[in-house]
């Protein structure tokens, strides 16, 4: 029995280390000079870090991501263009993703509270997760975040986020996957 337990731990332990290392890599990439807010101080909004978990038919699937937003100005009546990268994992399968799309933000008069809505085409590496077919690699992600900004210059934000990703009926199989989690954001250039 001790051998079976050790064998099971040996099978799951490397996978957990791989997940942890992937999360660390995503955070490092988000803070790298290429994606940092300091490098894009004129254009970018601070980096978001996201952790979420799926519910219902995809229970047990987690999402880890980072995102940054480029200021869109007043040209298209949107606040920013978001570029997000991360991974979905069910404990045995990892699916990396990349999404790019517009973000709209509504803030309270004090600018402390906000609601943020986004819609982005999403490219997913692989079409299955948790043993279910998602219906292809090309999807759409819509999201709603409700949160608050803290600190003297509102440099720190914390938000609850709901997200839906599906292929929008482009394939006959379209189960859709819903995630609920948190966003954490800190504006290093606001110091």
N, C-alpha and C. Protein backbone atom coordinates (compact mmCIF):
# COMPACT_ATOMS: atom_id res chain seq x y z
N UNK A 1 0.82 -1.19 0.00
CA UNK A 1 0.00 0.00 0.00
C UNK A 1 0.86 1.25 0.00
N UNK A 2 1.97 1.22 0.69
CA UNK A 2 2.88 2.35 0.70
C UNK A 2 3.45 2.58 -0.69
N UNK A 3 3.71 1.51 -1.43
CA UNK A 3 4.23 1.63 -2.79
C UNK A 3 3.20 2.28 -3.70
N UNK A 4 1.92 1.90 -3.58
CA UNK A 4 0.87 2.48 -4.41
C UNK A 4 0.73 3.97 -4.14
N UNK A 5 0.79 4.37 -2.87
CA UNK A 5 0.68 5.79 -2.52
C UNK A 5 1.87 6.55 -3.09
N UNK A 6 3.06 6.01 -2.95
CA UNK A 6 4.24 6.66 -3.49
C UNK A 6 4.15 6.77 -5.01
N UNK A 7 3.66 5.72 -5.65
CA UNK A 7 3.51 5.73 -7.11
C UNK A 7 2.52 6.81 -7.54
N UNK A 8 1.39 6.93 -6.83
CA UNK A 8 0.40 7.94 -7.17
C UNK A 8 0.98 9.33 -6.96
N UNK A 9 1.70 9.53 -5.87
CA UNK A 9 2.31 10.83 -5.63
C UNK A 9 3.34 11.15 -6.70
N UNK A 10 4.06 10.16 -7.14
CA UNK A 10 5.08 10.38 -8.17
C UNK A 10 4.43 10.82 -9.48
N UNK A 11 3.23 10.30 -9.77
CA UNK A 11 2.55 10.68 -10.99
C UNK A 11 1.99 12.09 -10.92
N UNK A 12 1.45 12.51 -9.76
CA UNK A 12 0.82 13.82 -9.67
C UNK A 12 1.81 14.93 -9.31
N UNK A 13 2.86 14.61 -8.59
CA UNK A 13 3.79 15.63 -8.14
C UNK A 13 4.47 16.38 -9.30
N UNK A 14 5.03 15.71 -10.32
CA UNK A 14 5.65 16.46 -11.42
C UNK A 14 4.66 17.37 -12.12
N UNK A 15 3.40 16.94 -12.25
CA UNK A 15 2.40 17.77 -12.91
C UNK A 15 2.15 19.04 -12.11
N UNK A 16 2.06 18.93 -10.79
CA UNK A 16 1.85 20.12 -9.96
C UNK A 16 3.03 21.08 -10.06
N UNK A 17 4.24 20.53 -10.12
CA UNK A 17 5.41 21.39 -10.29
C UNK A 17 5.37 22.09 -11.63
N UNK A 18 4.92 21.37 -12.68
CA UNK A 18 4.83 21.99 -14.00
C UNK A 18 3.81 23.12 -13.99
N UNK A 19 2.66 22.92 -13.33
CA UNK A 19 1.66 23.99 -13.22
C UNK A 19 2.23 25.18 -12.48
N UNK A 20 2.89 24.95 -11.37
CA UNK A 20 3.46 26.04 -10.58
C UNK A 20 4.51 26.80 -11.39
N UNK A 21 5.38 26.06 -12.10
CA UNK A 21 6.41 26.72 -12.91
C UNK A 21 5.79 27.50 -14.06
N UNK A 22 4.73 26.99 -14.65
CA UNK A 22 4.05 27.73 -15.71
C UNK A 22 3.47 29.03 -15.19
N UNK A 23 2.86 28.99 -14.00
CA UNK A 23 2.31 30.21 -13.39
C UNK A 23 3.41 31.22 -13.12
N UNK A 24 4.53 30.76 -12.58
CA UNK A 24 5.66 31.65 -12.32
C UNK A 24 6.16 32.24 -13.63
N UNK A 25 6.24 31.43 -14.68
CA UNK A 25 6.69 31.93 -15.98
C UNK A 25 5.75 33.00 -16.52
N UNK A 26 4.44 32.79 -16.36
CA UNK A 26 3.47 33.79 -16.82
C UNK A 26 3.64 35.10 -16.06
N UNK A 27 3.85 35.01 -14.75
CA UNK A 27 4.04 36.22 -13.94
C UNK A 27 5.33 36.92 -14.35
N UNK A 28 6.40 36.16 -14.56
CA UNK A 28 7.67 36.76 -14.99
C UNK A 28 7.53 37.41 -16.35
N UNK A 29 6.83 36.73 -17.27
CA UNK A 29 6.62 37.30 -18.59
C UNK A 29 5.82 38.59 -18.49
N UNK A 30 4.82 38.60 -17.62
CA UNK A 30 4.01 39.80 -17.42
C UNK A 30 4.82 40.95 -16.87
N UNK A 31 5.89 40.65 -16.13
CA UNK A 31 6.73 41.69 -15.57
C UNK A 31 8.00 41.94 -16.39
N UNK A 32 8.15 41.23 -17.50
CA UNK A 32 9.35 41.39 -18.32
C UNK A 32 9.34 42.76 -18.99
N UNK A 33 10.50 43.25 -19.42
CA UNK A 33 10.55 44.54 -20.10
C UNK A 33 9.66 44.60 -21.34
N UNK A 34 9.47 43.46 -22.00
CA UNK A 34 8.65 43.45 -23.19
C UNK A 34 7.20 43.79 -22.88
N UNK A 35 6.67 43.28 -21.76
CA UNK A 35 5.26 43.48 -21.44
C UNK A 35 5.03 44.41 -20.25
N UNK A 36 6.07 44.95 -19.65
CA UNK A 36 5.90 45.73 -18.43
C UNK A 36 5.23 47.06 -18.69
N UNK A 37 4.57 47.57 -17.67
CA UNK A 37 3.92 48.87 -17.78
C UNK A 37 4.95 49.98 -17.84
N UNK A 38 6.13 49.76 -17.27
CA UNK A 38 7.16 50.79 -17.35
C UNK A 38 7.65 50.94 -18.79
N UNK A 39 7.76 49.83 -19.51
CA UNK A 39 8.21 49.89 -20.90
C UNK A 39 7.17 50.58 -21.77
N UNK A 40 5.90 50.42 -21.44
CA UNK A 40 4.82 51.00 -22.22
C UNK A 40 4.07 52.06 -21.43
N UNK A 41 4.78 52.81 -20.61
CA UNK A 41 4.14 53.77 -19.71
C UNK A 41 3.24 54.75 -20.46
N UNK A 42 3.58 55.08 -21.69
CA UNK A 42 2.78 56.02 -22.45
C UNK A 42 1.51 55.37 -23.00
N UNK A 43 1.52 54.04 -23.18
CA UNK A 43 0.43 53.38 -23.88
C UNK A 43 -0.37 52.40 -23.02
N UNK A 44 0.27 51.72 -22.10
CA UNK A 44 -0.37 50.58 -21.45
C UNK A 44 -0.91 50.90 -20.08
N UNK A 45 -1.94 50.19 -19.72
CA UNK A 45 -2.48 50.18 -18.38
C UNK A 45 -1.77 49.05 -17.65
N UNK A 46 -1.67 49.06 -16.34
CA UNK A 46 -0.92 48.02 -15.60
C UNK A 46 -1.37 46.60 -15.92
N UNK A 47 -0.50 45.67 -15.58
CA UNK A 47 -0.74 44.24 -15.84
C UNK A 47 -1.74 43.67 -14.84
N UNK A 48 -2.70 42.89 -15.34
CA UNK A 48 -3.65 42.15 -14.51
C UNK A 48 -3.12 40.74 -14.32
N UNK A 49 -3.28 40.20 -13.12
CA UNK A 49 -3.02 38.79 -12.86
C UNK A 49 -4.35 38.15 -12.51
N UNK A 50 -4.65 37.00 -13.12
CA UNK A 50 -5.96 36.36 -12.96
C UNK A 50 -5.83 34.92 -12.51
N UNK A 51 -6.70 34.56 -11.59
CA UNK A 51 -6.85 33.18 -11.16
C UNK A 51 -8.34 32.91 -11.12
N UNK A 52 -8.78 31.83 -11.74
CA UNK A 52 -10.21 31.53 -11.78
C UNK A 52 -10.42 30.03 -11.83
N UNK A 53 -11.63 29.63 -11.53
CA UNK A 53 -12.00 28.22 -11.62
C UNK A 53 -13.33 28.10 -12.35
N UNK A 54 -13.47 27.02 -13.11
CA UNK A 54 -14.70 26.78 -13.88
C UNK A 54 -15.74 26.13 -12.99
N UNK A 55 -16.98 26.19 -13.42
CA UNK A 55 -18.05 25.54 -12.67
C UNK A 55 -18.85 24.64 -13.60
N UNK A 56 -19.86 24.04 -13.03
CA UNK A 56 -20.81 23.21 -13.76
C UNK A 56 -20.12 22.05 -14.48
N UNK A 57 -20.28 21.93 -15.77
CA UNK A 57 -19.79 20.77 -16.51
C UNK A 57 -18.26 20.72 -16.62
N UNK A 58 -17.57 21.83 -16.34
CA UNK A 58 -16.11 21.85 -16.38
C UNK A 58 -15.52 22.04 -14.99
N UNK A 59 -16.24 21.56 -13.98
CA UNK A 59 -15.76 21.67 -12.61
C UNK A 59 -14.37 21.04 -12.49
N UNK A 60 -13.45 21.74 -11.85
CA UNK A 60 -12.09 21.23 -11.71
C UNK A 60 -11.11 21.80 -12.72
N UNK A 61 -11.59 22.64 -13.64
CA UNK A 61 -10.71 23.30 -14.60
C UNK A 61 -10.37 24.68 -14.03
N UNK A 62 -9.08 25.00 -13.99
CA UNK A 62 -8.62 26.28 -13.46
C UNK A 62 -8.00 27.10 -14.58
N UNK A 63 -7.99 28.42 -14.37
CA UNK A 63 -7.43 29.36 -15.33
C UNK A 63 -6.40 30.23 -14.62
N UNK A 64 -5.25 30.41 -15.24
CA UNK A 64 -4.19 31.30 -14.75
C UNK A 64 -3.79 32.18 -15.92
N UNK A 65 -3.75 33.50 -15.73
CA UNK A 65 -3.45 34.37 -16.86
C UNK A 65 -2.90 35.71 -16.40
N UNK A 66 -2.32 36.43 -17.35
CA UNK A 66 -1.98 37.82 -17.15
C UNK A 66 -2.49 38.56 -18.38
N UNK A 67 -2.74 39.85 -18.22
CA UNK A 67 -3.24 40.65 -19.33
C UNK A 67 -2.73 42.07 -19.18
N UNK A 68 -2.53 42.73 -20.29
CA UNK A 68 -2.26 44.15 -20.23
C UNK A 68 -3.11 44.83 -21.29
N UNK A 69 -3.33 46.12 -21.09
CA UNK A 69 -4.26 46.86 -21.93
C UNK A 69 -3.57 48.06 -22.56
N UNK A 70 -3.76 48.21 -23.86
CA UNK A 70 -3.24 49.35 -24.58
C UNK A 70 -4.34 50.39 -24.67
N UNK A 71 -4.00 51.62 -24.38
CA UNK A 71 -4.97 52.72 -24.41
C UNK A 71 -5.48 52.89 -25.84
N UNK A 72 -6.77 52.91 -26.02
CA UNK A 72 -7.36 53.05 -27.35
C UNK A 72 -7.71 54.49 -27.67
N UNK A 73 -7.57 55.39 -26.69
CA UNK A 73 -7.94 56.78 -26.93
C UNK A 73 -9.44 56.90 -27.13
N UNK A 74 -9.86 57.86 -27.90
CA UNK A 74 -11.29 58.06 -28.15
C UNK A 74 -11.71 57.62 -29.55
N UNK A 75 -10.82 56.94 -30.22
CA UNK A 75 -11.09 56.61 -31.62
C UNK A 75 -12.27 55.67 -31.83
N UNK A 76 -12.37 54.62 -31.03
CA UNK A 76 -13.38 53.60 -31.30
C UNK A 76 -14.42 53.48 -30.20
N UNK A 77 -14.51 54.49 -29.34
CA UNK A 77 -15.46 54.49 -28.21
C UNK A 77 -15.24 53.32 -27.26
N UNK A 78 -14.00 52.88 -27.18
CA UNK A 78 -13.63 51.85 -26.22
C UNK A 78 -12.50 52.41 -25.35
N UNK A 79 -12.32 51.84 -24.17
CA UNK A 79 -11.30 52.35 -23.27
C UNK A 79 -9.91 51.83 -23.60
N UNK A 80 -9.84 50.56 -23.95
CA UNK A 80 -8.53 49.97 -24.22
C UNK A 80 -8.68 48.68 -25.02
N UNK A 81 -7.55 48.24 -25.53
CA UNK A 81 -7.46 46.94 -26.19
C UNK A 81 -6.68 46.03 -25.25
N UNK A 82 -7.30 44.90 -24.86
CA UNK A 82 -6.65 43.98 -23.94
C UNK A 82 -5.98 42.84 -24.68
N UNK A 83 -4.77 42.52 -24.25
CA UNK A 83 -4.05 41.34 -24.74
C UNK A 83 -3.85 40.44 -23.52
N UNK A 84 -4.42 39.24 -23.56
CA UNK A 84 -4.34 38.31 -22.43
C UNK A 84 -3.72 37.00 -22.88
N UNK A 85 -2.89 36.43 -22.01
CA UNK A 85 -2.27 35.13 -22.27
C UNK A 85 -2.31 34.32 -20.99
N UNK A 86 -2.47 33.02 -21.13
CA UNK A 86 -2.51 32.19 -19.94
C UNK A 86 -2.75 30.75 -20.29
N UNK A 87 -3.26 30.02 -19.30
CA UNK A 87 -3.54 28.61 -19.53
C UNK A 87 -4.76 28.17 -18.73
N UNK A 88 -5.43 27.17 -19.28
CA UNK A 88 -6.50 26.45 -18.61
C UNK A 88 -5.94 25.07 -18.31
N UNK A 89 -6.23 24.55 -17.14
CA UNK A 89 -5.74 23.22 -16.80
C UNK A 89 -6.79 22.46 -16.00
N UNK A 90 -6.87 21.15 -16.24
CA UNK A 90 -7.78 20.30 -15.49
C UNK A 90 -7.04 19.38 -14.53
N UNK A 91 -5.74 19.61 -14.36
CA UNK A 91 -4.93 18.78 -13.49
C UNK A 91 -4.08 17.79 -14.26
N UNK A 92 -4.52 17.43 -15.47
CA UNK A 92 -3.72 16.53 -16.29
C UNK A 92 -3.45 17.09 -17.68
N UNK A 93 -4.28 18.04 -18.12
CA UNK A 93 -4.13 18.65 -19.43
C UNK A 93 -4.01 20.16 -19.28
N UNK A 94 -3.09 20.76 -20.03
CA UNK A 94 -2.95 22.21 -20.04
C UNK A 94 -3.28 22.71 -21.44
N UNK A 95 -4.04 23.80 -21.51
CA UNK A 95 -4.34 24.44 -22.79
C UNK A 95 -3.99 25.93 -22.66
N UNK A 96 -2.94 26.34 -23.37
CA UNK A 96 -2.56 27.74 -23.38
C UNK A 96 -3.53 28.51 -24.27
N UNK A 97 -3.69 29.81 -23.99
CA UNK A 97 -4.57 30.63 -24.82
C UNK A 97 -4.01 32.03 -24.98
N UNK A 98 -4.48 32.70 -26.01
CA UNK A 98 -4.15 34.10 -26.28
C UNK A 98 -5.42 34.76 -26.77
N UNK A 99 -5.74 35.92 -26.22
CA UNK A 99 -6.93 36.64 -26.67
C UNK A 99 -6.61 38.13 -26.78
N UNK A 100 -7.27 38.78 -27.73
CA UNK A 100 -7.08 40.21 -27.97
C UNK A 100 -8.45 40.79 -28.27
N UNK A 101 -8.82 41.88 -27.57
CA UNK A 101 -10.12 42.49 -27.83
C UNK A 101 -10.34 43.75 -27.02
N UNK A 102 -11.47 44.43 -27.29
CA UNK A 102 -11.76 45.71 -26.64
C UNK A 102 -12.28 45.55 -25.20
N UNK A 103 -12.04 46.60 -24.40
CA UNK A 103 -12.49 46.67 -23.00
C UNK A 103 -13.23 47.99 -22.81
N UNK A 104 -14.36 47.93 -22.13
CA UNK A 104 -15.10 49.12 -21.74
C UNK A 104 -15.14 49.18 -20.21
N UNK A 105 -14.89 50.36 -19.64
CA UNK A 105 -14.87 50.52 -18.19
C UNK A 105 -15.80 51.64 -17.77
N UNK A 106 -16.61 51.38 -16.74
CA UNK A 106 -17.46 52.40 -16.12
C UNK A 106 -16.98 52.56 -14.68
N UNK A 107 -16.74 53.80 -14.27
CA UNK A 107 -16.24 54.07 -12.92
C UNK A 107 -17.23 54.92 -12.15
N UNK A 108 -17.20 54.76 -10.82
CA UNK A 108 -18.01 55.60 -9.95
C UNK A 108 -17.45 57.02 -9.97
N UNK A 109 -18.21 58.01 -9.51
CA UNK A 109 -17.71 59.39 -9.49
C UNK A 109 -16.41 59.55 -8.69
N UNK A 110 -16.22 58.74 -7.67
CA UNK A 110 -14.99 58.82 -6.88
C UNK A 110 -13.84 58.06 -7.55
N UNK A 111 -14.13 57.33 -8.60
CA UNK A 111 -13.18 56.50 -9.34
C UNK A 111 -12.67 55.31 -8.54
N UNK A 112 -13.27 55.05 -7.38
CA UNK A 112 -12.86 53.89 -6.57
C UNK A 112 -13.48 52.61 -7.11
N UNK A 113 -14.78 52.61 -7.39
CA UNK A 113 -15.50 51.41 -7.84
C UNK A 113 -15.57 51.41 -9.35
N UNK A 114 -15.55 50.21 -9.94
CA UNK A 114 -15.62 50.13 -11.40
C UNK A 114 -16.29 48.83 -11.84
N UNK A 115 -16.76 48.86 -13.07
CA UNK A 115 -17.26 47.67 -13.77
C UNK A 115 -16.55 47.66 -15.11
N UNK A 116 -16.04 46.51 -15.51
CA UNK A 116 -15.27 46.40 -16.74
C UNK A 116 -15.84 45.25 -17.57
N UNK A 117 -16.15 45.54 -18.83
CA UNK A 117 -16.68 44.53 -19.74
C UNK A 117 -15.71 44.35 -20.89
N UNK A 118 -15.48 43.10 -21.29
CA UNK A 118 -14.59 42.83 -22.40
C UNK A 118 -15.14 41.75 -23.32
N UNK A 119 -14.71 41.81 -24.55
CA UNK A 119 -15.08 40.80 -25.55
C UNK A 119 -13.87 40.59 -26.45
N UNK A 120 -13.39 39.35 -26.55
CA UNK A 120 -12.20 39.11 -27.36
C UNK A 120 -12.20 37.77 -28.06
N UNK A 121 -11.77 37.76 -29.32
CA UNK A 121 -11.49 36.50 -29.98
C UNK A 121 -10.35 35.81 -29.23
N UNK A 122 -10.43 34.50 -29.09
CA UNK A 122 -9.48 33.74 -28.28
C UNK A 122 -8.99 32.53 -29.06
N UNK A 123 -7.67 32.37 -29.08
CA UNK A 123 -7.06 31.20 -29.72
C UNK A 123 -6.59 30.26 -28.63
N UNK A 124 -7.09 29.04 -28.65
CA UNK A 124 -6.80 28.03 -27.64
C UNK A 124 -5.94 26.92 -28.23
N UNK A 125 -4.87 26.56 -27.54
CA UNK A 125 -3.97 25.49 -28.01
C UNK A 125 -4.57 24.14 -27.64
N UNK A 126 -5.33 23.59 -28.52
CA UNK A 126 -6.01 22.32 -28.25
C UNK A 126 -7.50 22.52 -28.15
N UNK A 127 -8.26 21.51 -28.48
CA UNK A 127 -9.72 21.67 -28.50
C UNK A 127 -10.43 20.84 -27.44
N UNK A 128 -9.69 20.18 -26.55
CA UNK A 128 -10.33 19.41 -25.49
C UNK A 128 -9.74 19.80 -24.14
N UNK A 129 -10.56 19.70 -23.11
CA UNK A 129 -10.09 19.86 -21.73
C UNK A 129 -11.08 19.13 -20.84
N UNK A 130 -10.58 18.55 -19.79
CA UNK A 130 -11.39 17.76 -18.86
C UNK A 130 -12.17 16.66 -19.60
N UNK A 131 -11.56 16.12 -20.66
CA UNK A 131 -12.18 15.04 -21.41
C UNK A 131 -13.35 15.47 -22.28
N UNK A 132 -13.53 16.78 -22.46
CA UNK A 132 -14.65 17.27 -23.27
C UNK A 132 -14.13 18.06 -24.46
N UNK A 133 -14.83 17.94 -25.56
CA UNK A 133 -14.49 18.66 -26.78
C UNK A 133 -15.09 20.07 -26.70
N UNK A 134 -14.24 21.09 -26.88
CA UNK A 134 -14.70 22.47 -26.84
C UNK A 134 -15.18 22.96 -28.20
N UNK A 135 -14.97 22.18 -29.24
CA UNK A 135 -15.46 22.56 -30.56
C UNK A 135 -14.47 23.41 -31.34
N UNK A 136 -13.19 23.09 -31.25
CA UNK A 136 -12.19 23.79 -32.05
C UNK A 136 -11.25 24.63 -31.22
N UNK A 137 -10.37 25.33 -31.92
CA UNK A 137 -9.35 26.14 -31.27
C UNK A 137 -9.70 27.63 -31.24
N UNK A 138 -10.62 28.08 -32.08
CA UNK A 138 -10.98 29.49 -32.13
C UNK A 138 -12.26 29.72 -31.34
N UNK A 139 -12.20 30.64 -30.38
CA UNK A 139 -13.33 30.92 -29.49
C UNK A 139 -13.50 32.41 -29.30
N UNK A 140 -14.53 32.77 -28.55
CA UNK A 140 -14.78 34.15 -28.15
C UNK A 140 -14.89 34.17 -26.63
N UNK A 141 -14.30 35.17 -26.00
CA UNK A 141 -14.36 35.31 -24.55
C UNK A 141 -15.03 36.62 -24.20
N UNK A 142 -16.09 36.55 -23.41
CA UNK A 142 -16.73 37.75 -22.88
C UNK A 142 -16.55 37.73 -21.36
N UNK A 143 -16.36 38.91 -20.78
CA UNK A 143 -16.08 38.95 -19.35
C UNK A 143 -16.69 40.19 -18.71
N UNK A 144 -16.96 40.08 -17.42
CA UNK A 144 -17.44 41.19 -16.61
C UNK A 144 -16.67 41.16 -15.31
N UNK A 145 -16.03 42.28 -14.96
CA UNK A 145 -15.30 42.41 -13.70
C UNK A 145 -15.91 43.53 -12.89
N UNK A 146 -16.11 43.28 -11.60
CA UNK A 146 -16.60 44.30 -10.67
C UNK A 146 -15.56 44.43 -9.57
N UNK A 147 -15.08 45.66 -9.33
CA UNK A 147 -14.02 45.79 -8.35
C UNK A 147 -13.85 47.18 -7.81
N UNK A 148 -12.75 47.35 -7.08
CA UNK A 148 -12.44 48.62 -6.44
C UNK A 148 -10.95 48.90 -6.57
N UNK A 149 -10.62 50.19 -6.59
CA UNK A 149 -9.24 50.64 -6.63
C UNK A 149 -8.88 51.17 -5.25
N UNK A 150 -7.63 50.93 -4.83
CA UNK A 150 -7.19 51.32 -3.50
C UNK A 150 -5.89 52.12 -3.60
N UNK A 151 -5.56 52.77 -2.49
CA UNK A 151 -4.31 53.51 -2.41
C UNK A 151 -4.48 54.96 -2.77
N UNK A 152 -3.44 55.73 -2.48
CA UNK A 152 -3.50 57.17 -2.70
C UNK A 152 -3.75 57.53 -4.15
N UNK A 153 -3.11 56.84 -5.07
CA UNK A 153 -3.30 57.11 -6.49
C UNK A 153 -4.12 56.04 -7.18
N UNK A 154 -4.84 55.25 -6.42
CA UNK A 154 -5.65 54.15 -6.97
C UNK A 154 -4.78 53.18 -7.78
N UNK A 155 -3.58 52.92 -7.29
CA UNK A 155 -2.62 52.10 -8.02
C UNK A 155 -2.93 50.61 -7.92
N UNK A 156 -3.67 50.18 -6.90
CA UNK A 156 -3.96 48.77 -6.68
C UNK A 156 -5.45 48.54 -6.94
N UNK A 157 -5.77 47.52 -7.74
CA UNK A 157 -7.16 47.15 -8.00
C UNK A 157 -7.38 45.68 -7.66
N UNK A 158 -8.54 45.41 -7.13
CA UNK A 158 -8.97 44.05 -6.84
C UNK A 158 -10.38 43.90 -7.39
N UNK A 159 -10.62 42.86 -8.19
CA UNK A 159 -11.93 42.68 -8.82
C UNK A 159 -12.34 41.22 -8.86
N UNK A 160 -13.65 41.00 -8.79
CA UNK A 160 -14.23 39.68 -9.05
C UNK A 160 -14.55 39.64 -10.54
N UNK A 161 -14.27 38.50 -11.16
CA UNK A 161 -14.42 38.41 -12.62
C UNK A 161 -15.21 37.17 -12.99
N UNK A 162 -16.16 37.34 -13.91
CA UNK A 162 -16.91 36.24 -14.51
C UNK A 162 -16.57 36.25 -16.00
N UNK A 163 -16.31 35.07 -16.55
CA UNK A 163 -15.87 34.98 -17.94
C UNK A 163 -16.53 33.78 -18.61
N UNK A 164 -16.95 33.97 -19.85
CA UNK A 164 -17.52 32.88 -20.64
C UNK A 164 -16.72 32.75 -21.93
N UNK A 165 -16.28 31.54 -22.23
CA UNK A 165 -15.53 31.27 -23.46
C UNK A 165 -16.24 30.17 -24.22
N UNK A 166 -16.57 30.44 -25.48
CA UNK A 166 -17.19 29.43 -26.34
C UNK A 166 -16.86 29.77 -27.79
N UNK A 167 -17.19 28.85 -28.69
CA UNK A 167 -16.87 29.09 -30.10
C UNK A 167 -17.98 29.85 -30.82
N UNK A 168 -18.99 30.28 -30.11
CA UNK A 168 -20.05 31.10 -30.71
C UNK A 168 -20.86 30.39 -31.77
N UNK A 169 -20.90 29.07 -31.73
CA UNK A 169 -21.69 28.32 -32.70
C UNK A 169 -20.97 28.08 -34.02
N UNK A 170 -19.66 28.34 -34.06
CA UNK A 170 -18.89 28.08 -35.29
C UNK A 170 -18.72 26.60 -35.55
N UNK A 171 -18.88 25.78 -34.51
CA UNK A 171 -18.79 24.32 -34.65
C UNK A 171 -20.05 23.70 -34.08
N UNK A 172 -20.34 22.48 -34.48
CA UNK A 172 -21.55 21.81 -33.97
C UNK A 172 -21.43 21.51 -32.48
N UNK A 173 -20.20 21.31 -31.99
CA UNK A 173 -19.96 21.12 -30.56
C UNK A 173 -19.59 22.47 -29.96
N UNK A 174 -20.37 22.92 -28.97
CA UNK A 174 -20.13 24.23 -28.38
C UNK A 174 -20.60 24.23 -26.92
N UNK A 175 -19.89 23.52 -26.03
CA UNK A 175 -20.36 23.47 -24.65
C UNK A 175 -20.15 24.78 -23.88
N UNK A 176 -19.18 25.58 -24.27
CA UNK A 176 -18.88 26.81 -23.54
C UNK A 176 -18.31 26.49 -22.17
N UNK A 177 -17.47 27.37 -21.67
CA UNK A 177 -16.86 27.16 -20.36
C UNK A 177 -16.90 28.48 -19.59
N UNK A 178 -17.42 28.42 -18.37
CA UNK A 178 -17.55 29.61 -17.53
C UNK A 178 -16.53 29.57 -16.41
N UNK A 179 -15.85 30.71 -16.19
CA UNK A 179 -14.87 30.83 -15.11
C UNK A 179 -15.29 31.95 -14.16
N UNK A 180 -15.01 31.75 -12.88
CA UNK A 180 -15.24 32.78 -11.87
C UNK A 180 -13.97 32.89 -11.04
N UNK A 181 -13.48 34.12 -10.85
CA UNK A 181 -12.23 34.28 -10.12
C UNK A 181 -11.95 35.71 -9.76
N UNK A 182 -10.66 36.00 -9.57
CA UNK A 182 -10.23 37.33 -9.15
C UNK A 182 -9.18 37.88 -10.10
N UNK A 183 -9.20 39.21 -10.22
CA UNK A 183 -8.16 39.97 -10.92
C UNK A 183 -7.44 40.80 -9.88
N UNK A 184 -6.13 40.85 -9.98
CA UNK A 184 -5.33 41.74 -9.14
C UNK A 184 -4.49 42.58 -10.08
N UNK A 185 -4.46 43.88 -9.81
CA UNK A 185 -3.71 44.80 -10.68
C UNK A 185 -2.96 45.80 -9.81
N UNK A 186 -1.73 46.10 -10.21
CA UNK A 186 -0.98 47.13 -9.52
C UNK A 186 -0.28 48.00 -10.57
N UNK A 187 -0.43 49.31 -10.45
CA UNK A 187 0.15 50.25 -11.40
C UNK A 187 1.50 50.73 -10.85
N UNK A 188 2.58 50.09 -11.30
CA UNK A 188 3.91 50.46 -10.84
C UNK A 188 4.26 51.89 -11.25
N UNK A 189 3.76 52.34 -12.39
CA UNK A 189 4.07 53.69 -12.85
C UNK A 189 3.26 54.76 -12.11
N UNK A 190 2.33 54.37 -11.25
CA UNK A 190 1.52 55.32 -10.51
C UNK A 190 2.21 55.76 -9.22
N UNK A 191 3.37 55.17 -8.91
CA UNK A 191 4.07 55.48 -7.67
C UNK A 191 4.65 56.87 -7.74
